[in-house]
Amino acid sequence: MELFVVQGPDLGRSFPLGPQSVLGRDPTAAINLTDEEVSRRHAIIILGEGRCTIEDLGSSNGTYLDDEPVEGEAEVQAGARIGVGQTVLELREPTGVEDPENLRPTKVPVDRS
């Protein structure tokens, strides 16, 4: 899973998610945003057991899931929009992921002419 910025100062950036990804302005945050209205450690996204959840970490401006304030822990589905400060992120399945059982060949024939 990844978060793709659809609105805000970081428009167009994407962030792959790990098991626990902190979202904020802190340079060590996995999802490091430049939006001044985002707290240094704004929210955390947790992937595990076949589900994805988000929890606000006591941010000043709150965290929103599809325009609803996040209270405690909330489950996030692919396609959902997360609002923090002026930034809106969309949870997406990464594109270009191939089935490991049916990978394309990586060798390219050499032109010997």
PDB file of N, CA and C in Angstrom:
ATOM      1  N   MET A   1       0.844  -1.175   0.000  1.00  0.00           N
ATOM      2  CA  MET A   1       0.000   0.000   0.000  1.00  0.00           C
ATOM      3  C   MET A   1       0.890   1.239   0.000  1.00  0.00           C
ATOM      4  N   GLU A   2       0.332   2.321  -0.541  1.00  0.00           N
ATOM      5  CA  GLU A   2       1.051   3.582  -0.561  1.00  0.00           C
ATOM      6  C   GLU A   2       0.072   4.732  -0.377  1.00  0.00           C
ATOM      7  N   LEU A   3       0.604   5.873   0.071  1.00  0.00           N
ATOM      8  CA  LEU A   3      -0.188   7.091   0.163  1.00  0.00           C
ATOM      9  C   LEU A   3       0.276   8.020  -0.939  1.00  0.00           C
ATOM     10  N   PHE A   4      -0.685   8.578  -1.672  1.00  0.00           N
ATOM     11  CA  PHE A   4      -0.407   9.479  -2.781  1.00  0.00           C
ATOM     12  C   PHE A   4      -1.021  10.836  -2.446  1.00  0.00           C
ATOM     13  N   VAL A   5      -0.217  11.907  -2.532  1.00  0.00           N
ATOM     14  CA  VAL A   5      -0.703  13.244  -2.202  1.00  0.00           C
ATOM     15  C   VAL A   5      -1.516  13.787  -3.377  1.00  0.00           C
ATOM     16  N   VAL A   6      -2.818  14.021  -3.137  1.00  0.00           N
ATOM     17  CA  VAL A   6      -3.719  14.515  -4.188  1.00  0.00           C
ATOM     18  C   VAL A   6      -4.031  15.999  -4.030  1.00  0.00           C
ATOM     19  N   GLN A   7      -3.624  16.583  -2.890  1.00  0.00           N
ATOM     20  CA  GLN A   7      -3.860  18.018  -2.666  1.00  0.00           C
ATOM     21  C   GLN A   7      -2.879  18.498  -1.602  1.00  0.00           C
ATOM     22  N   GLY A   8      -2.356  19.711  -1.792  1.00  0.00           N
ATOM     23  CA  GLY A   8      -1.474  20.306  -0.796  1.00  0.00           C
ATOM     24  C   GLY A   8      -0.088  20.572  -1.340  1.00  0.00           C
ATOM     25  N   PRO A   9       0.805  21.079  -0.479  1.00  0.00           N
ATOM     26  CA  PRO A   9       2.147  21.468  -0.903  1.00  0.00           C
ATOM     27  C   PRO A   9       2.973  20.333  -1.511  1.00  0.00           C
ATOM     28  N   ASP A  10       2.702  19.092  -1.145  1.00  0.00           N
ATOM     29  CA  ASP A  10       3.480  17.948  -1.640  1.00  0.00           C
ATOM     30  C   ASP A  10       2.774  17.211  -2.782  1.00  0.00           C
ATOM     31  N   LEU A  11       1.867  17.890  -3.474  1.00  0.00           N
ATOM     32  CA  LEU A  11       1.069  17.299  -4.558  1.00  0.00           C
ATOM     33  C   LEU A  11       1.929  16.448  -5.492  1.00  0.00           C
ATOM     34  N   GLY A  12       1.463  15.203  -5.744  1.00  0.00           N
ATOM     35  CA  GLY A  12       2.144  14.313  -6.674  1.00  0.00           C
ATOM     36  C   GLY A  12       3.132  13.361  -6.028  1.00  0.00           C
ATOM     37  N   ARG A  13       3.505  13.593  -4.781  1.00  0.00           N
ATOM     38  CA  ARG A  13       4.440  12.681  -4.106  1.00  0.00           C
ATOM     39  C   ARG A  13       3.693  11.428  -3.644  1.00  0.00           C
ATOM     40  N   SER A  14       4.426  10.329  -3.563  1.00  0.00           N
ATOM     41  CA  SER A  14       3.826   9.104  -3.024  1.00  0.00           C
ATOM     42  C   SER A  14       4.776   8.511  -1.998  1.00  0.00           C
ATOM     43  N   PHE A  15       4.203   7.796  -1.059  1.00  0.00           N
ATOM     44  CA  PHE A  15       4.959   7.235   0.052  1.00  0.00           C
ATOM     45  C   PHE A  15       4.562   5.779   0.250  1.00  0.00           C
ATOM     46  N   PRO A  16       5.506   4.833   0.092  1.00  0.00           N
ATOM     47  CA  PRO A  16       5.185   3.436   0.393  1.00  0.00           C
ATOM     48  C   PRO A  16       5.005   3.275   1.902  1.00  0.00           C
ATOM     49  N   LEU A  17       4.068   2.439   2.304  1.00  0.00           N
ATOM     50  CA  LEU A  17       3.788   2.234   3.721  1.00  0.00           C
ATOM     51  C   LEU A  17       4.489   0.992   4.243  1.00  0.00           C
ATOM     52  N   GLY A  18       5.063   1.116   5.432  1.00  0.00           N
ATOM     53  CA  GLY A  18       5.639  -0.024   6.122  1.00  0.00           C
ATOM     54  C   GLY A  18       4.652  -0.514   7.168  1.00  0.00           C
ATOM     55  N   PRO A  19       5.072  -1.421   8.050  1.00  0.00           N
ATOM     56  CA  PRO A  19       4.174  -1.927   9.083  1.00  0.00           C
ATOM     57  C   PRO A  19       3.631  -0.809   9.985  1.00  0.00           C
ATOM     58  N   GLN A  20       4.473   0.188  10.295  1.00  0.00           N
ATOM     59  CA  GLN A  20       4.052   1.361  11.069  1.00  0.00           C
ATOM     60  C   GLN A  20       4.702   2.579  10.435  1.00  0.00           C
ATOM     61  N   SER A  21       3.893   3.485   9.901  1.00  0.00           N
ATOM     62  CA  SER A  21       4.409   4.673   9.224  1.00  0.00           C
ATOM     63  C   SER A  21       3.866   5.924   9.895  1.00  0.00           C
ATOM     64  N   VAL A  22       4.788   6.718  10.454  1.00  0.00           N
ATOM     65  CA  VAL A  22       4.393   7.994  11.062  1.00  0.00           C
ATOM     66  C   VAL A  22       4.292   9.033   9.955  1.00  0.00           C
ATOM     67  N   LEU A  23       3.243   9.841  10.049  1.00  0.00           N
ATOM     68  CA  LEU A  23       2.973  10.907   9.094  1.00  0.00           C
ATOM     69  C   LEU A  23       3.181  12.232   9.826  1.00  0.00           C
ATOM     70  N   GLY A  24       4.007  13.130   9.251  1.00  0.00           N
ATOM     71  CA  GLY A  24       4.223  14.419   9.893  1.00  0.00           C
ATOM     72  C   GLY A  24       5.339  15.211   9.249  1.00  0.00           C
ATOM     73  N   ARG A  25       5.665  16.361   9.857  1.00  0.00           N
ATOM     74  CA  ARG A  25       6.725  17.230   9.351  1.00  0.00           C
ATOM     75  C   ARG A  25       8.103  16.818   9.854  1.00  0.00           C
ATOM     76  N   ASP A  26       8.165  15.953  10.852  1.00  0.00           N
ATOM     77  CA  ASP A  26       9.449  15.511  11.389  1.00  0.00           C
ATOM     78  C   ASP A  26      10.264  14.864  10.269  1.00  0.00           C
ATOM     79  N   PRO A  27      11.532  15.254  10.111  1.00  0.00           N
ATOM     80  CA  PRO A  27      12.352  14.675   9.036  1.00  0.00           C
ATOM     81  C   PRO A  27      12.495  13.155   9.123  1.00  0.00           C
ATOM     82  N   THR A  28      12.289  12.589  10.319  1.00  0.00           N
ATOM     83  CA  THR A  28      12.406  11.132  10.450  1.00  0.00           C
ATOM     84  C   THR A  28      11.089  10.407  10.169  1.00  0.00           C
ATOM     85  N   ALA A  29      10.011  11.148   9.918  1.00  0.00           N
ATOM     86  CA  ALA A  29       8.710  10.523   9.635  1.00  0.00           C
ATOM     87  C   ALA A  29       8.765   9.788   8.300  1.00  0.00           C
ATOM     88  N   ALA A  30       8.180   8.598   8.260  1.00  0.00           N
ATOM     89  CA  ALA A  30       8.141   7.821   7.010  1.00  0.00           C
ATOM     90  C   ALA A  30       7.385   8.586   5.928  1.00  0.00           C
ATOM     91  N   ILE A  31       6.359   9.316   6.329  1.00  0.00           N
ATOM     92  CA  ILE A  31       5.574  10.139   5.408  1.00  0.00           C
ATOM     93  C   ILE A  31       5.858  11.584   5.812  1.00  0.00           C
ATOM     94  N   ASN A  32       6.964  12.118   5.274  1.00  0.00           N
ATOM     95  CA  ASN A  32       7.451  13.447   5.649  1.00  0.00           C
ATOM     96  C   ASN A  32       6.833  14.496   4.732  1.00  0.00           C
ATOM     97  N   LEU A  33       5.956  15.337   5.312  1.00  0.00           N
ATOM     98  CA  LEU A  33       5.254  16.367   4.550  1.00  0.00           C
ATOM     99  C   LEU A  33       5.824  17.743   4.866  1.00  0.00           C
ATOM    100  N   THR A  34       5.679  18.684   3.913  1.00  0.00           N
ATOM    101  CA  THR A  34       6.178  20.044   4.109  1.00  0.00           C
ATOM    102  C   THR A  34       5.070  21.008   4.521  1.00  0.00           C
ATOM    103  N   ASP A  35       3.857  20.541   4.643  1.00  0.00           N
ATOM    104  CA  ASP A  35       2.687  21.346   5.017  1.00  0.00           C
ATOM    105  C   ASP A  35       2.874  21.889   6.436  1.00  0.00           C
ATOM    106  N   GLU A  36       2.904  23.225   6.581  1.00  0.00           N
ATOM    107  CA  GLU A  36       3.111  23.858   7.885  1.00  0.00           C
ATOM    108  C   GLU A  36       1.966  23.616   8.869  1.00  0.00           C
ATOM    109  N   GLU A  37       0.794  23.203   8.383  1.00  0.00           N
ATOM    110  CA  GLU A  37      -0.343  22.924   9.273  1.00  0.00           C
ATOM    111  C   GLU A  37      -0.348  21.490   9.794  1.00  0.00           C
ATOM    112  N   VAL A  38       0.641  20.711   9.392  1.00  0.00           N
ATOM    113  CA  VAL A  38       0.780  19.324   9.840  1.00  0.00           C
ATOM    114  C   VAL A  38       1.738  19.309  11.033  1.00  0.00           C
ATOM    115  N   SER A  39       1.380  18.591  12.083  1.00  0.00           N
ATOM    116  CA  SER A  39       2.244  18.467  13.267  1.00  0.00           C
ATOM    117  C   SER A  39       3.486  17.662  12.921  1.00  0.00           C
ATOM    118  N   ARG A  40       4.509  17.797  13.762  1.00  0.00           N
ATOM    119  CA  ARG A  40       5.763  17.050  13.510  1.00  0.00           C
ATOM    120  C   ARG A  40       5.496  15.540  13.495  1.00  0.00           C
ATOM    121  N   ARG A  41       4.707  15.061  14.439  1.00  0.00           N
ATOM    122  CA  ARG A  41       4.270  13.654  14.476  1.00  0.00           C
ATOM    123  C   ARG A  41       2.754  13.702  14.533  1.00  0.00           C
ATOM    124  N   HIS A  42       2.133  13.731  13.378  1.00  0.00           N
ATOM    125  CA  HIS A  42       0.703  14.016  13.251  1.00  0.00           C
ATOM    126  C   HIS A  42      -0.174  12.778  13.452  1.00  0.00           C
ATOM    127  N   ALA A  43       0.162  11.703  12.753  1.00  0.00           N
ATOM    128  CA  ALA A  43      -0.661  10.480  12.803  1.00  0.00           C
ATOM    129  C   ALA A  43       0.228   9.282  12.508  1.00  0.00           C
ATOM    130  N   ILE A  44      -0.301   8.107  12.790  1.00  0.00           N
ATOM    131  CA  ILE A  44       0.415   6.869  12.464  1.00  0.00           C
ATOM    132  C   ILE A  44      -0.524   5.947  11.686  1.00  0.00           C
ATOM    133  N   ILE A  45       0.044   5.312  10.668  1.00  0.00           N
ATOM    134  CA  ILE A  45      -0.700   4.340   9.864  1.00  0.00           C
ATOM    135  C   ILE A  45      -0.074   2.979  10.117  1.00  0.00           C
ATOM    136  N   ILE A  46      -0.919   2.019  10.429  1.00  0.00           N
ATOM    137  CA  ILE A  46      -0.448   0.670  10.763  1.00  0.00           C
ATOM    138  C   ILE A  46      -1.023  -0.327   9.766  1.00  0.00           C
ATOM    139  N   LEU A  47      -0.126  -1.107   9.158  1.00  0.00           N
ATOM    140  CA  LEU A  47      -0.526  -2.182   8.245  1.00  0.00           C
ATOM    141  C   LEU A  47      -0.269  -3.503   8.945  1.00  0.00           C
ATOM    142  N   GLY A  48      -1.256  -4.376   8.934  1.00  0.00           N
ATOM    143  CA  GLY A  48      -1.054  -5.684   9.535  1.00  0.00           C
ATOM    144  C   GLY A  48      -2.345  -6.458   9.627  1.00  0.00           C
ATOM    145  N   GLU A  49      -2.208  -7.764   9.641  1.00  0.00           N
ATOM    146  CA  GLU A  49      -3.343  -8.669   9.756  1.00  0.00           C
ATOM    147  C   GLU A  49      -4.403  -8.387   8.701  1.00  0.00           C
ATOM    148  N   GLY A  50      -3.948  -8.057   7.473  1.00  0.00           N
ATOM    149  CA  GLY A  50      -4.868  -7.852   6.358  1.00  0.00           C
ATOM    150  C   GLY A  50      -5.670  -6.570   6.422  1.00  0.00           C
ATOM    151  N   ARG A  51      -5.251  -5.619   7.256  1.00  0.00           N
ATOM    152  CA  ARG A  51      -5.988  -4.364   7.350  1.00  0.00           C
ATOM    153  C   ARG A  51      -5.044  -3.191   7.551  1.00  0.00           C
ATOM    154  N   CYS A  52      -5.573  -1.999   7.341  1.00  0.00           N
ATOM    155  CA  CYS A  52      -4.815  -0.764   7.485  1.00  0.00           C
ATOM    156  C   CYS A  52      -5.606   0.150   8.418  1.00  0.00           C
ATOM    157  N   THR A  53      -4.929   0.706   9.432  1.00  0.00           N
ATOM    158  CA  THR A  53      -5.591   1.620  10.353  1.00  0.00           C
ATOM    159  C   THR A  53      -4.792   2.916  10.476  1.00  0.00           C
ATOM    160  N   ILE A  54      -5.472   3.973  10.903  1.00  0.00           N
ATOM    161  CA  ILE A  54      -4.836   5.258  11.158  1.00  0.00           C
ATOM    162  C   ILE A  54      -5.250   5.733  12.540  1.00  0.00           C
ATOM    163  N   GLU A  55      -4.312   6.422  13.211  1.00  0.00           N
ATOM    164  CA  GLU A  55      -4.594   6.983  14.526  1.00  0.00           C
ATOM    165  C   GLU A  55      -3.929   8.350  14.613  1.00  0.00           C
ATOM    166  N   ASP A  56      -4.671   9.342  15.066  1.00  0.00           N
ATOM    167  CA  ASP A  56      -4.121  10.678  15.278  1.00  0.00           C
ATOM    168  C   ASP A  56      -3.214  10.624  16.505  1.00  0.00           C
ATOM    169  N   LEU A  57      -2.078  11.333  16.442  1.00  0.00           N
ATOM    170  CA  LEU A  57      -1.130  11.316  17.558  1.00  0.00           C
ATOM    171  C   LEU A  57      -1.207  12.598  18.386  1.00  0.00           C
ATOM    172  N   GLY A  58      -2.421  13.145  18.543  1.00  0.00           N
ATOM    173  CA  GLY A  58      -2.593  14.352  19.331  1.00  0.00           C
ATOM    174  C   GLY A  58      -2.222  15.613  18.557  1.00  0.00           C
ATOM    175  N   SER A  59      -2.430  15.594  17.253  1.00  0.00           N
ATOM    176  CA  SER A  59      -2.078  16.733  16.402  1.00  0.00           C
ATOM    177  C   SER A  59      -2.920  17.961  16.743  1.00  0.00           C
ATOM    178  N   SER A  60      -2.403  19.139  16.388  1.00  0.00           N
ATOM    179  CA  SER A  60      -3.119  20.396  16.652  1.00  0.00           C
ATOM    180  C   SER A  60      -4.365  20.541  15.792  1.00  0.00           C
ATOM    181  N   ASN A  61      -4.282  20.137  14.507  1.00  0.00           N
ATOM    182  CA  ASN A  61      -5.371  20.371  13.560  1.00  0.00           C
ATOM    183  C   ASN A  61      -6.215  19.139  13.250  1.00  0.00           C
ATOM    184  N   GLY A  62      -5.911  18.013  13.861  1.00  0.00           N
ATOM    185  CA  GLY A  62      -6.715  16.811  13.659  1.00  0.00           C
ATOM    186  C   GLY A  62      -6.387  16.067  12.380  1.00  0.00           C
ATOM    187  N   THR A  63      -6.909  14.856  12.306  1.00  0.00           N
ATOM    188  CA  THR A  63      -6.755  13.971  11.151  1.00  0.00           C
ATOM    189  C   THR A  63      -8.151  13.593  10.697  1.00  0.00           C
ATOM    190  N   TYR A  64      -8.366  13.598   9.383  1.00  0.00           N
ATOM    191  CA  TYR A  64      -9.693  13.319   8.827  1.00  0.00           C
ATOM    192  C   TYR A  64      -9.608  12.151   7.858  1.00  0.00           C
ATOM    193  N   LEU A  65     -10.590  11.281   7.943  1.00  0.00           N
ATOM    194  CA  LEU A  65     -10.709  10.135   7.043  1.00  0.00           C
ATOM    195  C   LEU A  65     -12.006  10.320   6.275  1.00  0.00           C
ATOM    196  N   ASP A  66     -11.895  10.562   4.963  1.00  0.00           N
ATOM    197  CA  ASP A  66     -13.061  10.849   4.118  1.00  0.00           C
ATOM    198  C   ASP A  66     -13.935  11.935   4.756  1.00  0.00           C
ATOM    199  N   ASP A  67     -13.294  13.039   5.170  1.00  0.00           N
ATOM    200  CA  ASP A  67     -13.932  14.233   5.743  1.00  0.00           C
ATOM    201  C   ASP A  67     -14.526  14.041   7.137  1.00  0.00           C
ATOM    202  N   GLU A  68     -14.309  12.886   7.764  1.00  0.00           N
ATOM    203  CA  GLU A  68     -14.786  12.649   9.128  1.00  0.00           C
ATOM    204  C   GLU A  68     -13.582  12.652  10.069  1.00  0.00           C
ATOM    205  N   PRO A  69     -13.685  13.335  11.223  1.00  0.00           N
ATOM    206  CA  PRO A  69     -12.554  13.345  12.159  1.00  0.00           C
ATOM    207  C   PRO A  69     -12.230  11.942  12.674  1.00  0.00           C
ATOM    208  N   VAL A  70     -10.942  11.650  12.767  1.00  0.00           N
ATOM    209  CA  VAL A  70     -10.493  10.356  13.289  1.00  0.00           C
ATOM    210  C   VAL A  70     -10.460  10.447  14.810  1.00  0.00           C
ATOM    211  N   GLU A  71     -11.236   9.598  15.447  1.00  0.00           N
ATOM    212  CA  GLU A  71     -11.275   9.499  16.907  1.00  0.00           C
ATOM    213  C   GLU A  71     -10.710   8.129  17.260  1.00  0.00           C
ATOM    214  N   GLY A  72      -9.615   8.079  17.966  1.00  0.00           N
ATOM    215  CA  GLY A  72      -8.991   6.790  18.276  1.00  0.00           C
ATOM    216  C   GLY A  72      -8.397   6.182  17.029  1.00  0.00           C
ATOM    217  N   GLU A  73      -8.643   4.915  16.836  1.00  0.00           N
ATOM    218  CA  GLU A  73      -8.115   4.179  15.678  1.00  0.00           C
ATOM    219  C   GLU A  73      -9.232   3.967  14.669  1.00  0.00           C
ATOM    220  N   ALA A  74      -8.950   4.223  13.374  1.00  0.00           N
ATOM    221  CA  ALA A  74      -9.962   4.044  12.327  1.00  0.00           C
ATOM    222  C   ALA A  74      -9.391   3.190  11.209  1.00  0.00           C
ATOM    223  N   GLU A  75     -10.222   2.296  10.678  1.00  0.00           N
ATOM    224  CA  GLU A  75      -9.790   1.445   9.569  1.00  0.00           C
ATOM    225  C   GLU A  75      -9.847   2.232   8.261  1.00  0.00           C
ATOM    226  N   VAL A  76      -8.812   2.042   7.432  1.00  0.00           N
ATOM    227  CA  VAL A  76      -8.696   2.751   6.160  1.00  0.00           C
ATOM    228  C   VAL A  76      -8.730   1.735   5.020  1.00  0.00           C
ATOM    229  N   GLN A  77      -9.571   1.989   4.031  1.00  0.00           N
ATOM    230  CA  GLN A  77      -9.680   1.119   2.856  1.00  0.00           C
ATOM    231  C   GLN A  77      -8.976   1.784   1.673  1.00  0.00           C
ATOM    232  N   ALA A  78      -8.544   0.991   0.693  1.00  0.00           N
ATOM    233  CA  ALA A  78      -7.960   1.542  -0.527  1.00  0.00           C
ATOM    234  C   ALA A  78      -8.955   2.513  -1.156  1.00  0.00           C
ATOM    235  N   GLY A  79      -8.458   3.668  -1.598  1.00  0.00           N
ATOM    236  CA  GLY A  79      -9.309   4.689  -2.183  1.00  0.00           C
ATOM    237  C   GLY A  79      -9.747   5.746  -1.189  1.00  0.00           C
ATOM    238  N   ALA A  80      -9.561   5.474   0.115  1.00  0.00           N
ATOM    239  CA  ALA A  80      -9.944   6.443   1.142  1.00  0.00           C
ATOM    240  C   ALA A  80      -9.015   7.647   1.083  1.00  0.00           C
ATOM    241  N   ARG A  81      -9.549   8.791   1.513  1.00  0.00           N
ATOM    242  CA  ARG A  81      -8.759  10.027   1.548  1.00  0.00           C
ATOM    243  C   ARG A  81      -8.524  10.448   2.988  1.00  0.00           C
ATOM    244  N   ILE A  82      -7.265  10.788   3.262  1.00  0.00           N
ATOM    245  CA  ILE A  82      -6.842  11.200   4.594  1.00  0.00           C
ATOM    246  C   ILE A  82      -6.475  12.681   4.518  1.00  0.00           C
ATOM    247  N   GLY A  83      -7.087  13.479   5.387  1.00  0.00           N
ATOM    248  CA  GLY A  83      -6.815  14.908   5.423  1.00  0.00           C
ATOM    249  C   GLY A  83      -6.026  15.289   6.655  1.00  0.00           C
ATOM    250  N   VAL A  84      -4.912  15.988   6.448  1.00  0.00           N
ATOM    251  CA  VAL A  84      -4.078  16.514   7.528  1.00  0.00           C
ATOM    252  C   VAL A  84      -3.628  17.910   7.101  1.00  0.00           C
ATOM    253  N   GLY A  85      -3.925  18.920   7.890  1.00  0.00           N
ATOM    254  CA  GLY A  85      -3.582  20.287   7.498  1.00  0.00           C
ATOM    255  C   GLY A  85      -4.218  20.629   6.165  1.00  0.00           C
ATOM    256  N   GLN A  86      -3.408  21.162   5.238  1.00  0.00           N
ATOM    257  CA  GLN A  86      -3.886  21.483   3.883  1.00  0.00           C
ATOM    258  C   GLN A  86      -3.723  20.299   2.933  1.00  0.00           C
ATOM    259  N   THR A  87      -3.206  19.190   3.424  1.00  0.00           N
ATOM    260  CA  THR A  87      -2.846  18.045   2.590  1.00  0.00           C
ATOM    261  C   THR A  87      -3.941  16.978   2.601  1.00  0.00           C
ATOM    262  N   VAL A  88      -4.203  16.426   1.413  1.00  0.00           N
ATOM    263  CA  VAL A  88      -5.103  15.281   1.279  1.00  0.00           C
ATOM    264  C   VAL A  88      -4.300  14.167   0.606  1.00  0.00           C
ATOM    265  N   LEU A  89      -4.304  13.001   1.245  1.00  0.00           N
ATOM    266  CA  LEU A  89      -3.605  11.833   0.723  1.00  0.00           C
ATOM    267  C   LEU A  89      -4.618  10.742   0.426  1.00  0.00           C
ATOM    268  N   GLU A  90      -4.345   9.948  -0.609  1.00  0.00           N
ATOM    269  CA  GLU A  90      -5.221   8.836  -0.955  1.00  0.00           C
ATOM    270  C   GLU A  90      -4.463   7.528  -0.777  1.00  0.00           C
ATOM    271  N   LEU A  91      -5.119   6.565  -0.111  1.00  0.00           N
ATOM    272  CA  LEU A  91      -4.525   5.253   0.078  1.00  0.00           C
ATOM    273  C   LEU A  91      -4.725   4.455  -1.203  1.00  0.00           C
ATOM    274  N   ARG A  92      -3.622   3.945  -1.756  1.00  0.00           N
ATOM    275  CA  ARG A  92      -3.682   3.218  -3.033  1.00  0.00           C
ATOM    276  C   ARG A  92      -2.899   1.917  -2.965  1.00  0.00           C
ATOM    277  N   GLU A  93      -3.354   0.987  -3.793  1.00  0.00           N
ATOM    278  CA  GLU A  93      -2.566  -0.219  -4.039  1.00  0.00           C
ATOM    279  C   GLU A  93      -1.464   0.206  -4.996  1.00  0.00           C
ATOM    280  N   PRO A  94      -0.209  -0.161  -4.750  1.00  0.00           N
ATOM    281  CA  PRO A  94       0.848   0.262  -5.663  1.00  0.00           C
ATOM    282  C   PRO A  94       0.626  -0.288  -7.070  1.00  0.00           C
ATOM    283  N   THR A  95       0.919   0.544  -8.048  1.00  0.00           N
ATOM    284  CA  THR A  95       0.781   0.112  -9.436  1.00  0.00           C
ATOM    285  C   THR A  95       2.047  -0.598  -9.877  1.00  0.00           C
ATOM    286  N   GLY A  96       1.917  -1.460 -10.844  1.00  0.00           N
ATOM    287  CA  GLY A  96       3.078  -2.144 -11.404  1.00  0.00           C
ATOM    288  C   GLY A  96       3.566  -3.320 -10.584  1.00  0.00           C
ATOM    289  N   VAL A  97       2.810  -3.744  -9.594  1.00  0.00           N
ATOM    290  CA  VAL A  97       3.203  -4.906  -8.801  1.00  0.00           C
ATOM    291  C   VAL A  97       2.828  -6.154  -9.587  1.00  0.00           C
ATOM    292  N   GLU A  98       3.828  -7.013  -9.801  1.00  0.00           N
ATOM    293  CA  GLU A  98       3.580  -8.210 -10.601  1.00  0.00           C
ATOM    294  C   GLU A  98       3.415  -9.435  -9.714  1.00  0.00           C
ATOM    295  N   ASP A  99       2.672 -10.382 -10.217  1.00  0.00           N
ATOM    296  CA  ASP A  99       2.505 -11.665  -9.551  1.00  0.00           C
ATOM    297  C   ASP A  99       3.851 -12.394  -9.579  1.00  0.00           C
ATOM    298  N   PRO A 100       4.422 -12.760  -8.414  1.00  0.00           N
ATOM    299  CA  PRO A 100       5.733 -13.404  -8.403  1.00  0.00           C
ATOM    300  C   PRO A 100       5.758 -14.736  -9.142  1.00  0.00           C
ATOM    301  N   GLU A 101       4.607 -15.368  -9.342  1.00  0.00           N
ATOM    302  CA  GLU A 101       4.545 -16.635 -10.075  1.00  0.00           C
ATOM    303  C   GLU A 101       4.616 -16.435 -11.591  1.00  0.00           C
ATOM    304  N   ASN A 102       4.329 -15.212 -12.057  1.00  0.00           N
ATOM    305  CA  ASN A 102       4.277 -14.956 -13.503  1.00  0.00           C
ATOM    306  C   ASN A 102       5.098 -13.730 -13.892  1.00  0.00           C
ATOM    307  N   LEU A 103       6.328 -13.676 -13.411  1.00  0.00           N
ATOM    308  CA  LEU A 103       7.184 -12.541 -13.732  1.00  0.00           C
ATOM    309  C   LEU A 103       7.618 -12.578 -15.195  1.00  0.00           C
ATOM    310  N   ARG A 104       7.751 -11.380 -15.775  1.00  0.00           N
ATOM    311  CA  ARG A 104       8.260 -11.283 -17.144  1.00  0.00           C
ATOM    312  C   ARG A 104       9.747 -11.560 -17.152  1.00  0.00           C
ATOM    313  N   PRO A 105      10.272 -12.096 -18.269  1.00  0.00           N
ATOM    314  CA  PRO A 105      11.716 -12.330 -18.341  1.00  0.00           C
ATOM    315  C   PRO A 105      12.471 -11.008 -18.229  1.00  0.00           C
ATOM    316  N   THR A 106      13.614 -11.053 -17.543  1.00  0.00           N
ATOM    317  CA  THR A 106      14.397  -9.837 -17.382  1.00  0.00           C
ATOM    318  C   THR A 106      15.534  -9.750 -18.400  1.00  0.00           C
ATOM    319  N   LYS A 107      15.856 -10.848 -19.047  1.00  0.00           N
ATOM    320  CA  LYS A 107      16.925 -10.825 -20.048  1.00  0.00           C
ATOM    321  C   LYS A 107      16.368 -10.316 -21.369  1.00  0.00           C
ATOM    322  N   VAL A 108      17.180  -9.527 -22.042  1.00  0.00           N
ATOM    323  CA  VAL A 108      16.798  -8.980 -23.336  1.00  0.00           C
ATOM    324  C   VAL A 108      17.705  -9.603 -24.373  1.00  0.00           C
ATOM    325  N   PRO A 109      17.131 -10.096 -25.502  1.00  0.00           N
ATOM    326  CA  PRO A 109      17.992 -10.692 -26.521  1.00  0.00           C
ATOM    327  C   PRO A 109      18.977  -9.657 -27.072  1.00  0.00           C
ATOM    328  N   VAL A 110      20.202 -10.102 -27.318  1.00  0.00           N
ATOM    329  CA  VAL A 110      21.227  -9.221 -27.857  1.00  0.00           C
ATOM    330  C   VAL A 110      21.176  -9.285 -29.376  1.00  0.00           C
ATOM    331  N   ASP A 111      21.208  -8.114 -29.988  1.00  0.00           N
ATOM    332  CA  ASP A 111      21.226  -8.045 -31.456  1.00  0.00           C
ATOM    333  C   ASP A 111      22.650  -8.365 -31.913  1.00  0.00           C
ATOM    334  N   ARG A 112      22.818  -9.489 -32.604  1.00  0.00           N
ATOM    335  CA  ARG A 112      24.159  -9.936 -33.014  1.00  0.00           C
ATOM    336  C   ARG A 112      24.444  -9.641 -34.481  1.00  0.00           C
ATOM    337  N   SER A 113      23.740  -8.698 -35.069  1.00  0.00           N
ATOM    338  CA  SER A 113      23.971  -8.400 -36.494  1.00  0.00           C
ATOM    339  C   SER A 113      25.129  -7.467 -36.708  1.00  0.00           C
TER     340      SER A 113
END
